Amino acid sequence: MLAFVFPGQGSQQVGMGKALYERYDFVRETFNHADQVLGFSLTGLIFNGPEAELQKTANAQPAILTVSVAMHELFKRNGIKPDAAAGHSLGEYSALVAAGALHFRDAVRLVRLRGQYMQEAVPLGQGGMVAVLGLTAEDIKEGCRRASETGTVETANFNCPGQVVVAGETAALKRAMEIFKEMGARRCIPLQVSAPFHSSLMLSAARKLQPELEQVEIKDPEIPVVANINADYVRTAGEVRDALLKQVSGAVMWEQSVQRLIADGYKVFMEAGPGQVLTGLIKKISKEASLVNLQGEIEPERIIARFKEAM
């Protein structure tokens, strides 16, 4: 069975989706729709930059969502439909659009607000995120506990075996990196993000997003969608709403989400969105998974051929 996976923040790059935009009317419609909903030319920012502006959380999130939804529509029009879906952080919104649970117009507006609220939660320079390589998840939890005497630092993304991202206040992150290195971490890599996402420091962002989520029409997903917050399926509109609220300040259980899909018989994974981050992570999570990544492919016949090879 086939699962679509949708990337999160960090996959953005200037020019993404431009070849699809120039070739397909329905892709242009998706981009134009995003521009209309947001009230500015997101399309111009995606294609022309400047890169520093595209990297901003409030811009990167709707930009990645728009490209991901356009790619999903391309696959659908070529007869490639997922049996299940999952998304990494922001990508969960793309997965829910693909599953018919969220309208694109609502999703693009929500992720724009989500990005603004997350950025506002912690002043620039006072928090961040660090990828820790070479330690177990339990080791990293213990390291965070020890460093918490200096300030808030928590596990934020369980990406794949040997790669966990932590988030927190700047001083506590610095202390945590020292502890992780003492524990034998291979590397500690500060990430180029502007805030400590997926930590309790984002609770104020979640509170701001809650009334917006309550006003939006959400439907029961038409296909199984695995939620970040617990690596379990969201089957009702209420569960979707709850999961989207909790994931703002909760850890992304990506490794566990992929393992859940594989255990339930989803063995083919197609990354729908810019970049190849999730393809790389899934390779490290399971040797059973068959992976399709269509970066640069815009010929429908080639897309279908690549898909059939993977199946």
C-alpha atoms as a PDB file:
ATOM      1  CA  MET A   1       0.000   0.000   0.000  1.00  0.00           C
ATOM      2  CA  LEU A   2       1.036   3.576  -0.722  1.00  0.00           C
ATOM      3  CA  ALA A   3       1.568   6.386   1.794  1.00  0.00           C
ATOM      4  CA  PHE A   4       2.163  10.004   0.817  1.00  0.00           C
ATOM      5  CA  VAL A   5       4.505  11.936   3.104  1.00  0.00           C
ATOM      6  CA  PHE A   6       4.638  15.729   3.185  1.00  0.00           C
ATOM      7  CA  PRO A   7       7.692  17.768   4.286  1.00  0.00           C
ATOM      8  CA  GLY A   8       7.883  20.481   6.906  1.00  0.00           C
ATOM      9  CA  GLN A   9       9.819  23.681   7.363  1.00  0.00           C
ATOM     10  CA  GLY A  10      13.408  23.569   6.136  1.00  0.00           C
ATOM     11  CA  SER A  11      12.504  22.135   2.723  1.00  0.00           C
ATOM     12  CA  GLN A  12      11.849  25.563   1.210  1.00  0.00           C
ATOM     13  CA  GLN A  13      14.045  26.962  -1.548  1.00  0.00           C
ATOM     14  CA  VAL A  14      13.670  29.846  -3.964  1.00  0.00           C
ATOM     15  CA  GLY A  15      12.265  28.591  -7.278  1.00  0.00           C
ATOM     16  CA  MET A  16      10.563  25.478  -5.916  1.00  0.00           C
ATOM     17  CA  GLY A  17       7.594  24.355  -7.992  1.00  0.00           C
ATOM     18  CA  LYS A  18       8.307  26.764 -10.838  1.00  0.00           C
ATOM     19  CA  ALA A  19       8.569  24.084 -13.548  1.00  0.00           C
ATOM     20  CA  LEU A  20       5.186  22.689 -12.498  1.00  0.00           C
ATOM     21  CA  TYR A  21       3.700  26.182 -12.393  1.00  0.00           C
ATOM     22  CA  GLU A  22       4.837  26.930 -15.933  1.00  0.00           C
ATOM     23  CA  ARG A  23       3.526  23.628 -17.297  1.00  0.00           C
ATOM     24  CA  TYR A  24       0.154  23.039 -15.624  1.00  0.00           C
ATOM     25  CA  ASP A  25      -2.906  25.296 -15.372  1.00  0.00           C
ATOM     26  CA  PHE A  26      -4.141  23.595 -12.196  1.00  0.00           C
ATOM     27  CA  VAL A  27      -0.811  24.287 -10.478  1.00  0.00           C
ATOM     28  CA  ARG A  28      -1.087  27.973 -11.391  1.00  0.00           C
ATOM     29  CA  GLU A  29      -4.605  27.936  -9.940  1.00  0.00           C
ATOM     30  CA  THR A  30      -3.282  26.538  -6.651  1.00  0.00           C
ATOM     31  CA  PHE A  31      -0.574  29.207  -6.403  1.00  0.00           C
ATOM     32  CA  ASN A  32      -3.001  31.974  -7.396  1.00  0.00           C
ATOM     33  CA  HIS A  33      -5.490  30.770  -4.801  1.00  0.00           C
ATOM     34  CA  ALA A  34      -2.823  31.029  -2.096  1.00  0.00           C
ATOM     35  CA  ASP A  35      -2.004  34.594  -3.222  1.00  0.00           C
ATOM     36  CA  GLN A  36      -5.674  35.581  -3.007  1.00  0.00           C
ATOM     37  CA  VAL A  37      -6.197  34.046   0.445  1.00  0.00           C
ATOM     38  CA  LEU A  38      -3.059  35.629   1.910  1.00  0.00           C
ATOM     39  CA  GLY A  39      -3.458  39.005   0.233  1.00  0.00           C
ATOM     40  CA  PHE A  40       0.071  39.191  -1.183  1.00  0.00           C
ATOM     41  CA  SER A  41       2.111  37.456  -3.882  1.00  0.00           C
ATOM     42  CA  LEU A  42       3.355  34.322  -2.169  1.00  0.00           C
ATOM     43  CA  THR A  43       4.075  33.061  -5.699  1.00  0.00           C
ATOM     44  CA  GLY A  44       6.461  35.939  -6.358  1.00  0.00           C
ATOM     45  CA  LEU A  45       8.256  35.284  -3.084  1.00  0.00           C
ATOM     46  CA  ILE A  46       8.577  31.549  -3.821  1.00  0.00           C
ATOM     47  CA  PHE A  47       9.970  32.068  -7.312  1.00  0.00           C
ATOM     48  CA  ASN A  48      12.051  35.220  -6.835  1.00  0.00           C
ATOM     49  CA  GLY A  49      12.928  35.442  -3.147  1.00  0.00           C
ATOM     50  CA  PRO A  50      14.742  37.065  -1.515  1.00  0.00           C
ATOM     51  CA  GLU A  51      15.768  33.862   0.225  1.00  0.00           C
ATOM     52  CA  ALA A  52      15.960  35.555   3.648  1.00  0.00           C
ATOM     53  CA  GLU A  53      12.301  36.544   3.317  1.00  0.00           C
ATOM     54  CA  LEU A  54      11.215  33.071   2.184  1.00  0.00           C
ATOM     55  CA  GLN A  55      13.032  31.526   5.169  1.00  0.00           C
ATOM     56  CA  LYS A  56      10.865  33.448   7.638  1.00  0.00           C
ATOM     57  CA  THR A  57       8.522  31.065   9.409  1.00  0.00           C
ATOM     58  CA  ALA A  58       5.327  32.885   8.451  1.00  0.00           C
ATOM     59  CA  ASN A  59       6.326  32.729   4.750  1.00  0.00           C
ATOM     60  CA  ALA A  60       8.045  29.338   4.575  1.00  0.00           C
ATOM     61  CA  GLN A  61       5.072  27.462   6.008  1.00  0.00           C
ATOM     62  CA  PRO A  62       2.407  28.545   3.452  1.00  0.00           C
ATOM     63  CA  ALA A  63       5.005  28.320   0.665  1.00  0.00           C
ATOM     64  CA  ILE A  64       5.851  24.662   1.373  1.00  0.00           C
ATOM     65  CA  LEU A  65       2.173  23.817   1.838  1.00  0.00           C
ATOM     66  CA  THR A  66       1.297  25.361  -1.537  1.00  0.00           C
ATOM     67  CA  VAL A  67       3.994  23.445  -3.434  1.00  0.00           C
ATOM     68  CA  SER A  68       3.100  20.211  -1.636  1.00  0.00           C
ATOM     69  CA  VAL A  69      -0.616  20.514  -2.402  1.00  0.00           C
ATOM     70  CA  ALA A  70       0.161  21.293  -6.066  1.00  0.00           C
ATOM     71  CA  MET A  71       2.347  18.175  -6.304  1.00  0.00           C
ATOM     72  CA  HIS A  72      -0.359  16.060  -4.691  1.00  0.00           C
ATOM     73  CA  GLU A  73      -2.847  17.331  -7.253  1.00  0.00           C
ATOM     74  CA  LEU A  74      -0.442  16.394 -10.050  1.00  0.00           C
ATOM     75  CA  PHE A  75      -0.164  12.851  -8.725  1.00  0.00           C
ATOM     76  CA  LYS A  76      -3.937  12.574  -8.288  1.00  0.00           C
ATOM     77  CA  ARG A  77      -4.572  13.679 -11.863  1.00  0.00           C
ATOM     78  CA  ASN A  78      -2.255  10.910 -13.019  1.00  0.00           C
ATOM     79  CA  GLY A  79      -4.129   8.251 -11.091  1.00  0.00           C
ATOM     80  CA  ILE A  80      -1.724   8.064  -8.141  1.00  0.00           C
ATOM     81  CA  LYS A  81      -3.740   8.214  -4.929  1.00  0.00           C
ATOM     82  CA  PRO A  82      -2.427   7.433  -1.447  1.00  0.00           C
ATOM     83  CA  ASP A  83      -3.892   4.807   0.855  1.00  0.00           C
ATOM     84  CA  ALA A  84      -2.619   6.788   3.859  1.00  0.00           C
ATOM     85  CA  ALA A  85      -0.745  10.010   4.580  1.00  0.00           C
ATOM     86  CA  ALA A  86       1.528  11.657   7.123  1.00  0.00           C
ATOM     87  CA  GLY A  87       3.366  14.962   7.306  1.00  0.00           C
ATOM     88  CA  HIS A  88       6.322  16.236   9.279  1.00  0.00           C
ATOM     89  CA  SER A  89       5.218  19.165  11.477  1.00  0.00           C
ATOM     90  CA  LEU A  90       3.801  21.728   9.017  1.00  0.00           C
ATOM     91  CA  GLY A  91       3.469  18.826   6.547  1.00  0.00           C
ATOM     92  CA  GLU A  92       0.607  17.448   8.619  1.00  0.00           C
ATOM     93  CA  TYR A  93      -1.551  20.244   7.189  1.00  0.00           C
ATOM     94  CA  SER A  94      -0.630  19.171   3.641  1.00  0.00           C
ATOM     95  CA  ALA A  95      -1.485  15.561   4.541  1.00  0.00           C
ATOM     96  CA  LEU A  96      -4.891  16.640   5.849  1.00  0.00           C
ATOM     97  CA  VAL A  97      -5.627  18.595   2.658  1.00  0.00           C
ATOM     98  CA  ALA A  98      -4.731  15.465   0.666  1.00  0.00           C
ATOM     99  CA  ALA A  99      -7.045  13.430   2.910  1.00  0.00           C
ATOM    100  CA  GLY A 100      -9.973  15.806   2.331  1.00  0.00           C
ATOM    101  CA  ALA A 101     -10.081  16.871   5.983  1.00  0.00           C
ATOM    102  CA  LEU A 102      -9.035  20.497   5.375  1.00  0.00           C
ATOM    103  CA  HIS A 103      -9.779  22.885   2.529  1.00  0.00           C
ATOM    104  CA  PHE A 104      -6.601  24.287   0.961  1.00  0.00           C
ATOM    105  CA  ARG A 105      -7.811  27.868   1.473  1.00  0.00           C
ATOM    106  CA  ASP A 106      -8.188  27.246   5.203  1.00  0.00           C
ATOM    107  CA  ALA A 107      -4.907  25.349   5.497  1.00  0.00           C
ATOM    108  CA  VAL A 108      -2.841  28.074   3.818  1.00  0.00           C
ATOM    109  CA  ARG A 109      -4.353  30.748   6.053  1.00  0.00           C
ATOM    110  CA  LEU A 110      -3.878  28.628   9.179  1.00  0.00           C
ATOM    111  CA  VAL A 111      -0.216  27.862   8.521  1.00  0.00           C
ATOM    112  CA  ARG A 112       0.485  31.534   7.827  1.00  0.00           C
ATOM    113  CA  LEU A 113      -0.977  32.367  11.253  1.00  0.00           C
ATOM    114  CA  ARG A 114       0.724  29.347  12.823  1.00  0.00           C
ATOM    115  CA  GLY A 115       4.071  30.624  11.569  1.00  0.00           C
ATOM    116  CA  GLN A 116       3.415  34.137  12.883  1.00  0.00           C
ATOM    117  CA  TYR A 117       2.317  32.886  16.295  1.00  0.00           C
ATOM    118  CA  MET A 118       5.271  30.509  16.618  1.00  0.00           C
ATOM    119  CA  GLN A 119       7.691  33.304  15.765  1.00  0.00           C
ATOM    120  CA  GLU A 120       6.063  35.672  18.259  1.00  0.00           C
ATOM    121  CA  ALA A 121       6.186  33.120  21.102  1.00  0.00           C
ATOM    122  CA  VAL A 122       9.924  33.560  21.766  1.00  0.00           C
ATOM    123  CA  PRO A 123      11.924  36.711  20.868  1.00  0.00           C
ATOM    124  CA  LEU A 124      14.614  36.253  18.223  1.00  0.00           C
ATOM    125  CA  GLY A 125      17.895  35.079  19.693  1.00  0.00           C
ATOM    126  CA  GLN A 126      16.366  33.736  22.901  1.00  0.00           C
ATOM    127  CA  GLY A 127      15.687  30.199  21.700  1.00  0.00           C
ATOM    128  CA  GLY A 128      16.527  27.684  19.012  1.00  0.00           C
ATOM    129  CA  MET A 129      16.884  24.037  18.019  1.00  0.00           C
ATOM    130  CA  VAL A 130      19.787  21.582  17.825  1.00  0.00           C
ATOM    131  CA  ALA A 131      19.996  18.261  15.976  1.00  0.00           C
ATOM    132  CA  VAL A 132      21.772  15.620  18.056  1.00  0.00           C
ATOM    133  CA  LEU A 133      23.394  12.734  16.191  1.00  0.00           C
ATOM    134  CA  GLY A 134      24.590   9.454  17.600  1.00  0.00           C
ATOM    135  CA  LEU A 135      22.686   9.155  20.879  1.00  0.00           C
ATOM    136  CA  THR A 136      19.571   7.174  21.748  1.00  0.00           C
ATOM    137  CA  ALA A 137      16.303   8.953  22.399  1.00  0.00           C
ATOM    138  CA  GLU A 138      16.517   7.937  26.051  1.00  0.00           C
ATOM    139  CA  ASP A 139      20.020   9.406  26.359  1.00  0.00           C
ATOM    140  CA  ILE A 140      18.800  12.674  24.886  1.00  0.00           C
ATOM    141  CA  LYS A 141      15.825  12.845  27.236  1.00  0.00           C
ATOM    142  CA  GLU A 142      18.222  12.340  30.148  1.00  0.00           C
ATOM    143  CA  GLY A 143      20.564  15.039  28.797  1.00  0.00           C
ATOM    144  CA  CYS A 144      17.654  17.473  28.530  1.00  0.00           C
ATOM    145  CA  ARG A 145      16.626  16.678  32.106  1.00  0.00           C
ATOM    146  CA  ARG A 146      20.123  17.472  33.335  1.00  0.00           C
ATOM    147  CA  ALA A 147      20.370  20.686  31.301  1.00  0.00           C
ATOM    148  CA  SER A 148      16.945  21.893  32.435  1.00  0.00           C
ATOM    149  CA  GLU A 149      18.553  23.386  35.552  1.00  0.00           C
ATOM    150  CA  THR A 150      19.788  26.124  33.187  1.00  0.00           C
ATOM    151  CA  GLY A 151      16.421  26.682  31.480  1.00  0.00           C
ATOM    152  CA  THR A 152      13.874  24.999  29.248  1.00  0.00           C
ATOM    153  CA  VAL A 153      15.213  22.376  26.810  1.00  0.00           C
ATOM    154  CA  GLU A 154      13.139  19.490  25.469  1.00  0.00           C
ATOM    155  CA  THR A 155      13.020  16.808  22.783  1.00  0.00           C
ATOM    156  CA  ALA A 156      11.246  18.259  19.741  1.00  0.00           C
ATOM    157  CA  ASN A 157      11.645  15.927  16.729  1.00  0.00           C
ATOM    158  CA  PHE A 158      12.273  12.175  16.745  1.00  0.00           C
ATOM    159  CA  ASN A 159      13.408  12.075  13.124  1.00  0.00           C
ATOM    160  CA  CYS A 160      15.108   8.701  12.694  1.00  0.00           C
ATOM    161  CA  PRO A 161      17.376   6.346  14.655  1.00  0.00           C
ATOM    162  CA  GLY A 162      20.344   8.380  15.913  1.00  0.00           C
ATOM    163  CA  GLN A 163      18.831  11.770  15.020  1.00  0.00           C
ATOM    164  CA  VAL A 164      16.755  13.658  17.557  1.00  0.00           C
ATOM    165  CA  VAL A 165      16.194  17.418  17.557  1.00  0.00           C
ATOM    166  CA  VAL A 166      15.945  19.328  20.826  1.00  0.00           C
ATOM    167  CA  ALA A 167      14.477  22.783  21.324  1.00  0.00           C
ATOM    168  CA  GLY A 168      14.775  25.316  24.097  1.00  0.00           C
ATOM    169  CA  GLU A 169      16.143  28.528  25.512  1.00  0.00           C
ATOM    170  CA  THR A 170      19.577  29.553  24.254  1.00  0.00           C
ATOM    171  CA  ALA A 171      21.502  29.070  27.515  1.00  0.00           C
ATOM    172  CA  ALA A 172      19.873  25.695  28.192  1.00  0.00           C
ATOM    173  CA  LEU A 173      20.617  24.539  24.640  1.00  0.00           C
ATOM    174  CA  LYS A 174      24.277  25.450  25.099  1.00  0.00           C
ATOM    175  CA  ARG A 175      24.429  23.455  28.331  1.00  0.00           C
ATOM    176  CA  ALA A 176      22.595  20.522  26.734  1.00  0.00           C
ATOM    177  CA  MET A 177      25.101  20.394  23.864  1.00  0.00           C
ATOM    178  CA  GLU A 178      27.939  20.152  26.396  1.00  0.00           C
ATOM    179  CA  ILE A 179      26.162  17.291  28.151  1.00  0.00           C
ATOM    180  CA  PHE A 180      25.373  15.458  24.906  1.00  0.00           C
ATOM    181  CA  LYS A 181      29.031  15.645  23.856  1.00  0.00           C
ATOM    182  CA  GLU A 182      30.065  14.258  27.246  1.00  0.00           C
ATOM    183  CA  MET A 183      27.588  11.417  26.691  1.00  0.00           C
ATOM    184  CA  GLY A 184      29.226  10.564  23.367  1.00  0.00           C
ATOM    185  CA  ALA A 185      27.109  12.364  20.774  1.00  0.00           C
ATOM    186  CA  ARG A 186      28.708  12.244  17.331  1.00  0.00           C
ATOM    187  CA  ARG A 187      27.608  15.780  16.471  1.00  0.00           C
ATOM    188  CA  CYS A 188      25.381  18.558  17.785  1.00  0.00           C
ATOM    189  CA  ILE A 189      24.206  20.816  14.965  1.00  0.00           C
ATOM    190  CA  PRO A 190      22.425  24.118  15.705  1.00  0.00           C
ATOM    191  CA  LEU A 191      19.607  24.475  13.178  1.00  0.00           C
ATOM    192  CA  GLN A 192      18.931  27.588  11.126  1.00  0.00           C
ATOM    193  CA  VAL A 193      15.514  28.222  12.642  1.00  0.00           C
ATOM    194  CA  SER A 194      14.250  31.303  14.379  1.00  0.00           C
ATOM    195  CA  ALA A 195      12.504  29.765  17.402  1.00  0.00           C
ATOM    196  CA  PRO A 196      12.329  26.633  19.610  1.00  0.00           C
ATOM    197  CA  PHE A 197       9.501  24.889  17.748  1.00  0.00           C
ATOM    198  CA  HIS A 198       7.653  21.860  19.169  1.00  0.00           C
ATOM    199  CA  SER A 199       8.490  22.651  22.773  1.00  0.00           C
ATOM    200  CA  SER A 200       6.524  23.977  25.733  1.00  0.00           C
ATOM    201  CA  LEU A 201       7.873  27.436  24.825  1.00  0.00           C
ATOM    202  CA  MET A 202       5.282  27.368  22.009  1.00  0.00           C
ATOM    203  CA  LEU A 203       2.268  27.093  24.326  1.00  0.00           C
ATOM    204  CA  SER A 204       1.380  30.764  23.782  1.00  0.00           C
ATOM    205  CA  ALA A 205       1.343  30.113  20.007  1.00  0.00           C
ATOM    206  CA  ALA A 206      -1.006  27.168  20.548  1.00  0.00           C
ATOM    207  CA  ARG A 207      -3.350  29.347  22.610  1.00  0.00           C
ATOM    208  CA  LYS A 208      -3.490  31.933  19.804  1.00  0.00           C
ATOM    209  CA  LEU A 209      -4.074  29.259  17.156  1.00  0.00           C
ATOM    210  CA  GLN A 210      -6.860  27.502  19.066  1.00  0.00           C
ATOM    211  CA  PRO A 211      -9.730  29.914  18.221  1.00  0.00           C
ATOM    212  CA  GLU A 212      -8.648  29.888  14.562  1.00  0.00           C
ATOM    213  CA  LEU A 213      -8.768  26.072  14.481  1.00  0.00           C
ATOM    214  CA  GLU A 214     -12.171  26.078  16.163  1.00  0.00           C
ATOM    215  CA  GLN A 215     -13.661  28.319  13.464  1.00  0.00           C
ATOM    216  CA  VAL A 216     -12.366  26.310  10.488  1.00  0.00           C
ATOM    217  CA  GLU A 217     -14.411  23.550   8.861  1.00  0.00           C
ATOM    218  CA  ILE A 218     -12.649  20.221   9.387  1.00  0.00           C
ATOM    219  CA  LYS A 219     -14.008  16.922   8.064  1.00  0.00           C
ATOM    220  CA  ASP A 220     -13.239  13.330   8.936  1.00  0.00           C
ATOM    221  CA  PRO A 221     -10.194  12.265   6.848  1.00  0.00           C
ATOM    222  CA  GLU A 222     -11.062  10.153   3.798  1.00  0.00           C
ATOM    223  CA  ILE A 223      -7.868   8.113   4.232  1.00  0.00           C
ATOM    224  CA  PRO A 224      -5.871   7.240   7.366  1.00  0.00           C
ATOM    225  CA  VAL A 225      -3.609  10.104   8.518  1.00  0.00           C
ATOM    226  CA  VAL A 226      -0.931   9.530  11.157  1.00  0.00           C
ATOM    227  CA  ALA A 227      -0.568  12.450  13.580  1.00  0.00           C
ATOM    228  CA  ASN A 228       2.799  13.817  14.727  1.00  0.00           C
ATOM    229  CA  ILE A 229       1.800  14.074  18.336  1.00  0.00           C
ATOM    230  CA  ASN A 230       1.300  10.366  19.069  1.00  0.00           C
ATOM    231  CA  ALA A 231       2.098   8.417  15.861  1.00  0.00           C
ATOM    232  CA  ASP A 232      -1.526   7.259  15.815  1.00  0.00           C
ATOM    233  CA  TYR A 233      -4.305   7.728  13.288  1.00  0.00           C
ATOM    234  CA  VAL A 234      -6.689  10.670  13.409  1.00  0.00           C
ATOM    235  CA  ARG A 235     -10.047   9.390  12.189  1.00  0.00           C
ATOM    236  CA  THR A 236     -12.502  12.150  13.105  1.00  0.00           C
ATOM    237  CA  ALA A 237     -12.648  15.920  12.672  1.00  0.00           C
ATOM    238  CA  GLY A 238     -12.375  16.325  16.442  1.00  0.00           C
ATOM    239  CA  GLU A 239      -9.211  14.239  16.587  1.00  0.00           C
ATOM    240  CA  VAL A 240      -7.719  16.252  13.725  1.00  0.00           C
ATOM    241  CA  ARG A 241      -8.405  19.554  15.484  1.00  0.00           C
ATOM    242  CA  ASP A 242      -6.943  18.271  18.744  1.00  0.00           C
ATOM    243  CA  ALA A 243      -3.817  16.905  17.065  1.00  0.00           C
ATOM    244  CA  LEU A 244      -3.134  20.151  15.166  1.00  0.00           C
ATOM    245  CA  LEU A 245      -3.415  22.143  18.372  1.00  0.00           C
ATOM    246  CA  LYS A 246      -1.169  19.829  20.398  1.00  0.00           C
ATOM    247  CA  GLN A 247       1.539  19.525  17.739  1.00  0.00           C
ATOM    248  CA  VAL A 248       2.453  23.231  18.015  1.00  0.00           C
ATOM    249  CA  SER A 249       4.092  22.607  21.395  1.00  0.00           C
ATOM    250  CA  GLY A 250       4.445  18.810  21.269  1.00  0.00           C
ATOM    251  CA  ALA A 251       7.252  16.690  19.834  1.00  0.00           C
ATOM    252  CA  VAL A 252       7.111  15.394  16.253  1.00  0.00           C
ATOM    253  CA  MET A 253       7.100  11.582  16.479  1.00  0.00           C
ATOM    254  CA  TRP A 254       8.266  11.062  12.900  1.00  0.00           C
ATOM    255  CA  GLU A 255      10.290   7.869  13.333  1.00  0.00           C
ATOM    256  CA  GLN A 256       7.405   6.313  15.242  1.00  0.00           C
ATOM    257  CA  SER A 257       4.870   7.499  12.618  1.00  0.00           C
ATOM    258  CA  VAL A 258       6.776   5.821   9.789  1.00  0.00           C
ATOM    259  CA  GLN A 259       7.202   2.650  11.835  1.00  0.00           C
ATOM    260  CA  ARG A 260       3.445   2.624  12.484  1.00  0.00           C
ATOM    261  CA  LEU A 261       2.666   2.906   8.773  1.00  0.00           C
ATOM    262  CA  ILE A 262       5.110   0.133   7.875  1.00  0.00           C
ATOM    263  CA  ALA A 263       3.721  -2.148  10.595  1.00  0.00           C
ATOM    264  CA  ASP A 264       0.245  -1.600   9.129  1.00  0.00           C
ATOM    265  CA  GLY A 265       1.317  -2.622   5.629  1.00  0.00           C
ATOM    266  CA  TYR A 266       2.179   0.707   3.985  1.00  0.00           C
ATOM    267  CA  LYS A 267       5.473  -0.130   2.312  1.00  0.00           C
ATOM    268  CA  VAL A 268       5.682   2.422  -0.535  1.00  0.00           C
ATOM    269  CA  PHE A 269       6.321   6.059   0.415  1.00  0.00           C
ATOM    270  CA  MET A 270       6.014   8.958  -2.015  1.00  0.00           C
ATOM    271  CA  GLU A 271       7.315  12.362  -0.891  1.00  0.00           C
ATOM    272  CA  ALA A 272       4.938  15.062  -2.107  1.00  0.00           C
ATOM    273  CA  GLY A 273       6.613  18.421  -1.716  1.00  0.00           C
ATOM    274  CA  PRO A 274       9.894  20.257  -2.199  1.00  0.00           C
ATOM    275  CA  GLY A 275      13.173  18.642  -1.247  1.00  0.00           C
ATOM    276  CA  GLN A 276      14.066  15.091  -0.259  1.00  0.00           C
ATOM    277  CA  VAL A 277      14.360  15.342   3.525  1.00  0.00           C
ATOM    278  CA  LEU A 278      11.705  12.748   4.361  1.00  0.00           C
ATOM    279  CA  THR A 279      12.984  10.302   1.761  1.00  0.00           C
ATOM    280  CA  GLY A 280      16.373  10.436   3.488  1.00  0.00           C
ATOM    281  CA  LEU A 281      14.876   9.957   6.948  1.00  0.00           C
ATOM    282  CA  ILE A 282      12.683   7.016   5.909  1.00  0.00           C
ATOM    283  CA  LYS A 283      15.726   5.267   4.408  1.00  0.00           C
ATOM    284  CA  LYS A 284      17.292   5.389   7.873  1.00  0.00           C
ATOM    285  CA  ILE A 285      14.108   4.278   9.638  1.00  0.00           C
ATOM    286  CA  SER A 286      13.380   1.148   7.589  1.00  0.00           C
ATOM    287  CA  LYS A 287      15.016  -0.997   4.917  1.00  0.00           C
ATOM    288  CA  GLU A 288      11.576  -2.408   4.100  1.00  0.00           C
ATOM    289  CA  ALA A 289      10.275   0.854   2.682  1.00  0.00           C
ATOM    290  CA  SER A 290      10.182   1.464  -1.068  1.00  0.00           C
ATOM    291  CA  LEU A 291      10.725   5.159  -1.778  1.00  0.00           C
ATOM    292  CA  VAL A 292       9.647   7.427  -4.617  1.00  0.00           C
ATOM    293  CA  ASN A 293      10.908  10.979  -4.870  1.00  0.00           C
ATOM    294  CA  LEU A 294      10.002  12.948  -7.968  1.00  0.00           C
ATOM    295  CA  GLN A 295      12.169  16.042  -7.681  1.00  0.00           C
ATOM    296  CA  GLY A 296      12.370  17.674 -11.080  1.00  0.00           C
ATOM    297  CA  GLU A 297       9.994  15.221 -12.756  1.00  0.00           C
ATOM    298  CA  ILE A 298       7.071  16.978 -14.428  1.00  0.00           C
ATOM    299  CA  GLU A 299       6.269  14.528 -17.240  1.00  0.00           C
ATOM    300  CA  PRO A 300       3.127  12.583 -16.231  1.00  0.00           C
ATOM    301  CA  GLU A 301       4.225   9.416 -18.040  1.00  0.00           C
ATOM    302  CA  ARG A 302       7.531   9.415 -16.154  1.00  0.00           C
ATOM    303  CA  ILE A 303       5.719   9.937 -12.855  1.00  0.00           C
ATOM    304  CA  ILE A 304       3.485   6.933 -13.553  1.00  0.00           C
ATOM    305  CA  ALA A 305       6.475   4.827 -14.626  1.00  0.00           C
ATOM    306  CA  ARG A 306       8.470   5.669 -11.509  1.00  0.00           C
ATOM    307  CA  PHE A 307       5.457   4.885  -9.341  1.00  0.00           C
ATOM    308  CA  LYS A 308       4.888   1.490 -10.983  1.00  0.00           C
ATOM    309  CA  GLU A 309       8.547   0.620 -10.524  1.00  0.00           C
ATOM    310  CA  ALA A 310       8.274   1.342  -6.803  1.00  0.00           C
ATOM    311  CA  MET A 311       5.075  -0.685  -6.435  1.00  0.00           C
END
